[in-house]
Protein backbone atom coordinates (compact mmCIF):
# COMPACT_ATOMS: atom_id res chain seq x y z
CA MET A 1 100.27 70.96 116.34
CA LEU A 2 96.60 70.04 116.09
CA VAL A 3 94.83 68.44 119.01
CA LEU A 4 91.67 66.37 119.10
CA ALA A 5 88.61 68.57 119.31
CA SER A 6 86.91 66.56 122.04
CA ALA A 7 89.96 66.57 124.30
CA PHE A 8 90.59 70.27 123.72
CA PHE A 9 87.05 71.40 124.44
CA THR A 10 86.82 69.15 127.48
CA LEU A 11 89.94 70.81 128.87
CA VAL A 12 88.89 74.41 128.25
CA GLY A 13 85.32 73.73 129.32
CA ILE A 14 86.30 73.13 132.94
CA THR A 15 86.45 76.84 133.78
CA SER A 16 83.19 78.77 133.83
CA CYS A 17 82.99 82.16 132.11
CA ALA A 18 80.13 83.54 134.16
CA SER A 19 82.31 84.60 137.10
CA ALA A 20 84.83 86.56 135.06
CA PRO A 21 85.32 90.15 136.31
CA TYR A 22 84.50 91.74 132.93
CA ALA A 23 81.57 89.45 132.12
CA ASN A 24 78.17 91.07 132.52
CA SER A 25 74.85 89.67 133.65
CA ARG A 26 72.48 88.21 131.11
CA ARG A 27 70.27 91.27 131.49
CA ASP A 28 73.10 93.49 130.20
CA ALA A 29 74.10 91.30 127.26
CA ALA A 30 72.71 93.55 124.53
CA PRO A 31 75.32 95.16 122.23
CA ASP A 32 76.50 98.45 123.71
CA SER A 33 77.36 101.30 121.31
CA ALA A 34 79.27 103.19 124.02
CA ARG A 35 81.61 100.24 124.61
CA ILE A 36 82.09 99.86 120.88
CA ARG A 37 83.02 103.54 120.53
CA ARG A 38 85.52 103.39 123.40
CA ASP A 39 87.24 100.37 121.91
CA ILE A 40 87.48 102.00 118.49
CA GLU A 41 88.80 105.23 120.01
CA PHE A 42 91.62 103.30 121.67
CA LEU A 43 92.47 101.08 118.71
CA ALA A 44 92.39 104.05 116.33
CA SER A 45 94.28 106.42 118.60
CA ASP A 46 97.51 108.08 117.48
CA ALA A 47 99.29 106.21 120.28
CA LEU A 48 99.00 102.98 118.26
CA GLU A 49 100.24 104.72 115.09
CA GLY A 50 97.90 102.90 112.74
CA ARG A 51 98.61 99.31 113.90
CA GLY A 52 100.89 98.39 111.01
CA THR A 53 101.72 94.69 110.97
CA GLY A 54 104.81 93.96 113.06
CA THR A 55 104.86 97.41 114.70
CA PRO A 56 104.65 98.19 118.43
CA GLY A 57 101.21 99.69 117.82
CA ASN A 58 99.95 96.46 116.33
CA ASP A 59 101.42 94.53 119.26
CA SER A 60 99.69 96.89 121.70
CA ALA A 61 96.37 96.36 119.94
CA ALA A 62 96.84 92.59 120.19
CA ALA A 63 97.67 92.87 123.90
CA PHE A 64 94.54 94.98 124.40
CA ALA A 65 92.34 92.31 122.81
CA ALA A 66 94.02 89.53 124.80
CA ARG A 67 93.44 91.38 128.07
CA ARG A 68 89.79 91.79 127.23
CA TYR A 69 89.34 88.10 126.51
CA ARG A 70 91.08 87.19 129.75
CA LEU A 71 88.83 89.55 131.74
CA LEU A 72 85.78 88.01 130.09
CA GLY A 73 86.92 84.58 131.22
CA LEU A 74 87.51 83.25 127.70
CA ARG A 75 90.15 80.58 127.43
CA ALA A 76 93.41 80.60 125.49
CA PRO A 77 93.75 77.62 123.12
CA ALA A 78 97.52 77.64 123.71
CA PRO A 79 99.77 78.74 126.60
CA ASP A 80 98.57 82.30 125.88
CA TYR A 81 96.16 84.05 123.54
CA PHE A 82 98.77 84.75 120.87
CA GLN A 83 99.19 82.71 117.69
CA ARG A 84 102.60 83.98 116.62
CA PHE A 85 103.86 83.82 113.05
CA GLU A 86 106.26 85.47 110.64
CA ALA A 87 104.54 87.72 108.15
CA ARG A 88 106.18 87.59 104.73
CA SER A 89 104.73 89.68 101.93
CA ALA A 90 105.77 91.17 98.63
CA LEU A 91 104.19 94.40 99.83
CA LEU A 92 106.73 94.58 102.64
CA ALA A 93 109.61 94.07 100.25
CA HIS A 94 108.28 96.58 97.74
CA SER A 95 107.86 99.20 100.47
CA GLY A 96 111.58 99.10 101.12
CA GLY A 97 111.18 97.70 104.61
CA LEU A 98 111.87 94.29 106.07
CA ALA A 99 111.12 91.20 104.00
CA ALA A 100 109.40 89.63 107.03
CA VAL A 101 108.15 90.78 110.42
CA GLN A 102 107.07 88.98 113.57
CA THR A 103 103.41 89.37 114.45
CA GLN A 104 100.50 87.48 115.97
CA ASN A 105 96.84 86.64 115.74
CA VAL A 106 94.86 86.86 118.98
CA VAL A 107 92.72 83.78 119.62
CA ALA A 108 90.26 83.11 122.45
CA VAL A 109 87.68 80.37 122.89
CA LEU A 110 84.33 80.26 124.67
CA PRO A 111 83.56 76.54 125.19
CA GLY A 112 80.13 75.39 124.14
CA SER A 113 77.53 74.76 126.83
CA ASP A 114 76.34 71.43 125.38
CA PRO A 115 78.77 68.47 125.46
CA ALA A 116 77.05 67.03 122.39
CA PHE A 117 77.94 70.11 120.31
CA ARG A 118 81.02 71.49 122.08
CA GLY A 119 83.33 69.78 119.60
CA GLN A 120 82.00 72.00 116.81
CA ALA A 121 83.21 75.60 116.49
CA ILE A 122 82.06 78.88 114.99
CA VAL A 123 84.80 81.43 114.30
CA ILE A 124 84.06 85.14 114.79
CA GLY A 125 86.91 87.23 113.44
CA ALA A 126 88.26 90.55 112.16
CA HIS A 127 91.68 91.89 111.28
CA ILE A 128 93.24 94.22 113.82
CA ASP A 129 96.10 95.55 111.66
CA HIS A 130 96.04 98.57 109.37
CA LEU A 131 98.57 100.55 107.31
CA GLY A 132 100.44 102.30 110.11
CA ARG A 133 102.55 105.12 108.68
CA SER A 134 103.28 103.32 105.43
CA THR A 135 102.20 104.73 102.09
CA THR A 136 102.10 101.20 100.65
CA GLY A 137 98.45 100.52 99.94
CA ALA A 138 97.46 104.05 100.98
CA LEU A 139 95.19 106.11 98.74
CA ASP A 140 96.72 109.34 100.00
CA PRO A 141 100.46 108.81 99.41
CA GLU A 142 100.82 112.58 99.22
CA ALA A 143 100.29 112.59 103.02
CA GLY A 144 103.63 110.82 103.40
CA PRO A 145 104.28 109.03 106.72
CA ALA A 146 101.12 110.35 108.35
CA ILE A 147 99.40 108.05 110.85
CA ARG A 148 96.59 106.18 109.14
CA ASN A 149 94.52 105.20 112.14
CA GLY A 150 92.09 102.92 110.36
CA ALA A 151 89.10 103.58 112.60
CA ASP A 152 86.68 101.90 110.21
CA ASP A 153 89.35 99.71 108.62
CA ASN A 154 89.45 97.87 110.84
CA ALA A 155 89.23 99.06 114.43
CA SER A 156 85.48 98.85 113.85
CA GLY A 157 85.60 95.15 112.99
CA SER A 158 87.90 94.40 115.92
CA ALA A 159 85.54 96.24 118.27
CA ALA A 160 82.62 94.22 116.90
CA VAL A 161 84.42 90.97 117.71
CA LEU A 162 85.25 92.18 121.23
CA GLU A 163 81.63 93.18 121.81
CA LEU A 164 80.35 89.85 120.52
CA ALA A 165 82.73 88.12 122.92
CA ARG A 166 81.18 90.08 125.79
CA VAL A 167 77.63 89.31 124.64
CA PHE A 168 78.24 85.59 124.22
CA ALA A 169 80.23 85.29 127.46
CA ALA A 170 77.03 86.32 129.25
CA ARG A 171 74.96 83.72 127.40
CA PRO A 172 77.06 81.02 125.69
CA THR A 173 76.00 78.92 122.73
CA ARG A 174 75.83 75.14 122.49
CA ARG A 175 78.76 75.12 120.10
CA SER A 176 82.15 76.55 120.98
CA LEU A 177 83.01 80.02 119.73
CA PHE A 178 86.45 81.18 118.64
CA PHE A 179 87.12 84.92 118.69
CA VAL A 180 90.07 85.84 116.49
CA ASN A 181 91.81 89.15 115.73
CA PHE A 182 93.95 88.57 112.66
CA SER A 183 97.17 90.37 111.83
CA GLY A 184 98.64 90.88 108.36
CA GLU A 185 95.34 91.25 106.51
CA GLU A 186 96.51 94.40 104.77
CA LEU A 187 99.57 92.51 103.52
CA GLY A 188 97.48 89.78 101.89
CA LEU A 189 95.21 87.93 104.38
CA LEU A 190 98.34 86.55 106.08
CA GLY A 191 96.89 86.07 109.56
CA SER A 192 93.70 84.31 108.52
CA GLN A 193 95.63 82.07 106.16
CA TYR A 194 98.00 81.18 108.99
CA PHE A 195 95.04 80.42 111.24
CA VAL A 196 93.42 77.96 108.83
CA ASP A 197 96.80 76.34 108.15
CA HIS A 198 97.52 76.02 111.90
CA SER A 199 94.06 75.76 113.38
CA PRO A 200 94.00 74.97 117.12
CA VAL A 201 91.24 72.45 116.35
CA PRO A 202 90.72 70.23 113.30
CA ILE A 203 89.66 72.50 110.47
CA ASP A 204 86.62 70.35 109.71
CA SER A 205 85.25 71.02 113.19
CA ILE A 206 84.69 74.68 112.20
CA THR A 207 81.08 74.91 111.04
CA ALA A 208 81.00 78.59 110.04
CA MET A 209 83.04 81.79 110.05
CA LEU A 210 81.72 85.34 110.48
CA ASN A 211 84.03 88.19 109.44
CA PHE A 212 83.77 91.91 110.21
CA ASP A 213 85.67 94.37 108.04
CA MET A 214 84.63 98.04 107.95
CA VAL A 215 81.36 97.96 109.88
CA GLY A 216 81.60 101.40 111.50
CA ARG A 217 80.23 103.80 108.86
CA MET A 218 76.60 102.72 108.43
CA ARG A 219 74.49 105.03 106.28
CA GLY A 220 70.75 104.71 105.82
CA ASP A 221 70.43 101.61 108.04
CA SER A 222 72.24 99.67 105.31
CA VAL A 223 74.64 96.74 105.70
CA ILE A 224 76.12 94.45 103.07
CA VAL A 225 76.60 90.78 103.93
CA TYR A 226 78.80 88.72 101.63
CA GLY A 227 78.76 84.92 101.54
CA VAL A 228 75.03 84.26 101.77
CA ALA A 229 75.32 81.62 99.04
CA THR A 230 78.09 79.66 100.81
CA ALA A 231 75.53 77.50 102.63
CA ARG A 232 71.96 76.71 101.63
CA GLU A 233 70.52 77.79 104.96
CA LEU A 234 72.25 81.16 105.30
CA PRO A 235 69.76 83.37 103.39
CA MET A 236 66.91 82.17 105.60
CA LEU A 237 68.96 82.51 108.78
CA LEU A 238 70.02 86.04 107.85
CA ASP A 239 66.46 87.08 107.01
CA SER A 240 65.13 85.60 110.25
CA ALA A 241 67.79 87.38 112.30
CA ASN A 242 67.04 90.70 110.65
CA VAL A 243 63.32 90.56 111.50
CA HIS A 244 64.24 91.73 115.00
CA VAL A 245 66.89 94.26 113.92
CA GLY A 246 65.24 95.90 110.92
CA LEU A 247 68.27 96.80 108.83
CA SER A 248 68.35 97.17 105.07
CA VAL A 249 70.44 94.09 104.33
CA ARG A 250 72.06 93.56 100.96
CA GLY A 251 73.02 89.90 100.63
CA VAL A 252 75.81 88.99 98.18
CA GLY A 253 76.47 85.35 97.44
CA ASP A 254 80.23 85.17 96.90
CA GLY A 255 82.36 83.79 99.74
CA PHE A 256 85.63 84.92 98.21
CA GLY A 257 86.71 88.51 98.56
CA PRO A 258 89.52 90.80 99.75
CA SER A 259 89.10 90.05 103.44
CA ASP A 260 89.72 87.26 105.91
CA GLN A 261 86.59 85.19 105.25
CA SER A 262 88.18 84.17 101.94
CA SER A 263 90.80 82.04 103.75
CA PHE A 264 88.04 80.04 105.45
CA TYR A 265 85.84 79.69 102.39
CA GLY A 266 88.82 78.27 100.55
CA ARG A 267 88.82 75.48 103.15
CA ASN A 268 85.14 74.61 102.52
CA ILE A 269 83.74 76.54 105.49
CA PRO A 270 80.52 78.59 105.11
CA VAL A 271 81.23 82.28 105.67
CA LEU A 272 79.53 85.63 106.13
CA HIS A 273 81.30 88.97 105.80
CA PHE A 274 79.62 92.04 107.32
CA PHE A 275 80.46 95.38 105.68
CA THR A 276 78.91 98.88 105.74
CA ASN A 277 80.42 99.96 102.40
CA LEU A 278 83.33 102.03 101.15
CA HIS A 279 83.78 105.76 101.78
CA GLU A 280 86.21 108.49 100.82
CA ASP A 281 88.36 107.97 103.94
CA TYR A 282 89.23 104.37 103.02
CA HIS A 283 93.00 103.77 103.31
CA ARG A 284 93.59 107.42 104.09
CA ALA A 285 94.81 109.34 107.13
CA THR A 286 91.28 110.74 107.52
CA ASP A 287 89.76 107.42 108.66
CA ASP A 288 89.36 108.57 112.26
CA ALA A 289 87.20 107.54 115.21
CA SER A 290 85.23 110.80 115.16
CA LYS A 291 83.50 109.61 111.97
CA ILE A 292 82.32 106.27 113.39
CA ASN A 293 78.61 105.50 113.68
CA SER A 294 78.79 103.35 116.81
CA ALA A 295 75.01 103.08 117.14
CA GLY A 296 74.85 101.65 113.64
CA GLU A 297 77.66 99.25 114.42
CA ALA A 298 75.81 98.04 117.51
CA ARG A 299 72.94 97.04 115.21
CA VAL A 300 75.34 95.11 112.98
CA VAL A 301 76.61 93.31 116.10
CA GLU A 302 73.05 92.48 117.11
CA LEU A 303 72.31 91.11 113.64
CA ALA A 304 75.45 88.97 113.74
CA GLU A 305 74.65 87.70 117.23
CA ARG A 306 71.23 86.56 116.08
CA VAL A 307 72.73 84.87 113.02
CA VAL A 308 75.20 82.96 115.22
CA ARG A 309 72.42 81.87 117.57
CA GLY A 310 70.38 80.77 114.57
CA ILE A 311 73.26 78.64 113.29
CA ASP A 312 73.79 77.24 116.77
CA ALA A 313 70.12 76.34 117.24
CA ARG A 314 70.33 73.86 114.35
CA ASP A 315 71.08 70.28 115.25
CA HIS A 316 72.73 69.77 111.87
CA ARG A 317 75.64 71.59 110.31
CA LEU A 318 75.15 74.10 107.53
CA THR A 319 75.12 72.69 104.02
CA PHE A 320 78.25 74.05 102.39
CA VAL A 321 78.01 75.28 98.78
CA ARG A 322 81.22 75.40 96.78
CA GLY A 323 81.76 78.38 94.50
CA ALA A 324 84.32 79.09 91.82
CA ALA A 325 87.63 80.57 92.90
CA PRO A 326 88.03 84.29 92.13
CA ALA A 327 89.28 85.20 88.68
CA PRO A 328 92.91 86.34 88.54
CA VAL A 329 93.48 90.08 88.52
CA ALA A 330 94.19 91.43 85.06
CA GLY A 331 97.88 91.83 84.31
CA GLY A 332 99.53 95.21 84.60
CA ARG A 333 97.26 96.50 87.35
CA THR A 334 99.62 96.11 90.29
CA GLY A 335 101.41 99.33 91.04
CA SER A 336 99.41 101.40 88.53
CA ASN A 337 99.43 105.07 89.48
CA VAL A 338 96.43 106.22 87.46
CA TYR A 339 93.86 108.01 89.62
CA LEU A 340 90.17 108.82 89.10
CA GLY A 341 88.78 109.31 92.60
CA SER A 342 85.59 107.27 92.27
CA ILE A 343 84.13 105.29 95.17
CA PRO A 344 82.29 102.14 94.01
CA ASP A 345 79.03 101.13 95.67
CA MET A 346 79.78 97.57 96.73
CA ALA A 347 76.09 96.92 97.46
CA ALA A 348 75.10 97.32 93.82
CA ALA A 349 75.76 93.73 92.77
CA ASP A 350 72.65 93.50 90.55
CA VAL A 351 73.48 96.62 88.53
CA LYS A 352 74.87 96.27 85.01
CA GLY A 353 77.78 98.65 85.22
CA LEU A 354 79.47 100.18 88.26
CA ARG A 355 77.37 102.39 90.51
CA LEU A 356 79.26 105.02 92.49
CA SER A 357 78.57 105.68 96.15
CA GLY A 358 80.56 108.90 95.89
CA VAL A 359 83.53 110.71 94.39
CA ARG A 360 86.47 112.23 96.21
CA ALA A 361 86.34 116.01 96.42
CA GLY A 362 88.74 117.71 93.99
CA SER A 363 89.50 114.44 92.19
CA PRO A 364 89.45 113.96 88.39
CA ALA A 365 86.07 112.25 88.80
CA ASP A 366 84.73 115.29 90.66
CA SER A 367 86.19 117.75 88.14
CA GLY A 368 84.80 115.69 85.27
CA GLY A 369 81.26 115.83 86.62
CA LEU A 370 80.78 112.32 88.03
CA LYS A 371 78.40 112.14 90.99
CA ALA A 372 77.24 109.73 93.66
CA GLY A 373 74.56 107.46 92.20
CA ASP A 374 76.01 107.50 88.68
CA ILE A 375 76.28 104.10 87.01
CA VAL A 376 79.42 103.88 84.88
CA VAL A 377 78.65 101.78 81.79
CA GLU A 378 81.60 102.71 79.58
CA LEU A 379 85.14 104.00 80.17
CA GLY A 380 87.55 104.88 77.38
CA GLY A 381 85.47 103.04 74.80
CA LYS A 382 85.32 99.82 76.84
CA GLU A 383 82.06 98.46 78.23
CA VAL A 384 81.81 98.39 82.02
CA LEU A 385 79.77 95.53 83.48
CA ASP A 386 81.11 95.38 87.03
CA LEU A 387 84.06 96.35 89.23
CA GLN A 388 86.40 93.95 87.39
CA THR A 389 85.72 95.35 83.92
CA TYR A 390 85.76 98.90 85.29
CA SER A 391 89.23 98.34 86.78
CA ASP A 392 90.47 96.75 83.56
CA ALA A 393 89.26 99.74 81.57
CA LEU A 394 90.69 102.32 83.98
CA TYR A 395 94.13 100.76 84.34
CA ALA A 396 94.51 100.45 80.58
CA HIS A 397 95.17 104.22 80.63
CA GLN A 398 97.91 106.48 81.93
CA PRO A 399 97.83 109.64 84.06
CA GLY A 400 97.13 112.74 82.00
CA GLU A 401 95.04 110.97 79.37
CA ARG A 402 91.62 112.41 78.62
CA VAL A 403 88.97 109.70 78.43
CA GLU A 404 85.25 109.59 77.85
CA ILE A 405 83.16 108.06 80.61
CA VAL A 406 79.55 107.15 79.90
CA VAL A 407 77.21 107.06 82.89
CA LEU A 408 73.53 106.49 83.56
CA ARG A 409 72.11 109.23 85.77
CA ASN A 410 68.43 109.10 86.64
CA GLY A 411 67.90 106.90 83.60
CA GLU A 412 69.63 109.33 81.24
CA ARG A 413 72.80 108.37 79.37
CA LEU A 414 75.50 111.03 79.79
CA ARG A 415 78.94 111.33 78.20
CA LEU A 416 81.58 112.98 80.37
CA GLN A 417 85.15 113.93 79.56
CA VAL A 418 87.65 113.26 82.39
CA THR A 419 91.38 113.91 82.54
CA LEU A 420 92.92 111.11 84.59
CA GLY A 421 95.19 112.03 87.44
CA LYS A 422 98.32 110.51 88.92
CA ARG A 423 98.09 108.84 92.28
CA GLY A 424 100.29 110.66 94.77
């Protein structure tokens, strides 16, 4: 049941966070790559078996986050830090498992320091679940029930949220901050949707949401930030924050997308989604903590902290910009088993075609001669303009078919012949 924002924040604001045993001094409030690495190593350890929604490993990860918030002195918006719900998903049913499982979001609040702004909230969130041992959604089904630890997806995002909680506990903002670890994202954004439908404060008191999904594999000082067009002020705030961090930031306007910020944007809340791009270990058992760039992630955390402080420094709320809802996925794609092995470069939003950030070793794409940096402009006789048209063209074919793929490589147009494989 919703409660009035003013009454809620007055209640949780009574207890100070500065004396909490885990809270650090203001001098030590800079993002710490060593802490980030330790958190990822725990969350992505074999002991948690990939944190599948509704599994003991996922519950252990949630308990870990809740303990951290309690040690930092953050408050629980309910009797405890857990927002429990029943996860129901077609993916669960199709995997042959239970039709529904019990799970929980983890929610903690840091009350704002200014009574005039404490009734407004900024949500900082990331999903804490991954695939577990399930092959449903996995891109390496041939590995069977192997543990898919999800170090980048999304132990990295969860660690970013925990580190931001530590940083802000040392120096709070005027507005209240909610730190949320969502469950059920891999099953269809279930946890974030439950949060916005059962928000512990009125949904219109949430002024912005920052999401972290796969922020642990930075390459070339590059980070992609989605949602910059969801409020008029966000491009300027992001640019100003980055002056002190010096990253190569690729801003993408859309607030919708396959991660938890989409649930908030659908409720007219400005959003930003931080992302360090896809890689060949995505949704595979090889996404392990040893491959994490924790120093790069610490820079993403610093950028996000400065963005939050920039939003908080404004006396007025961000000016929300409504965008069109995402187009429906083309029919017949769900469950397709055709396999190419290409890795799209999600930063290349201004490219006509689909630029590849890499290809999986030994894949049909690799055997056919595709390379990182290629821009796919045609597949099987169909023009490729973006990821949507690329997917439509690919999934119109079957495993074993030989197709022509036209790419631009260093300005030269090349025609390659590729025999499509079968996933798994």
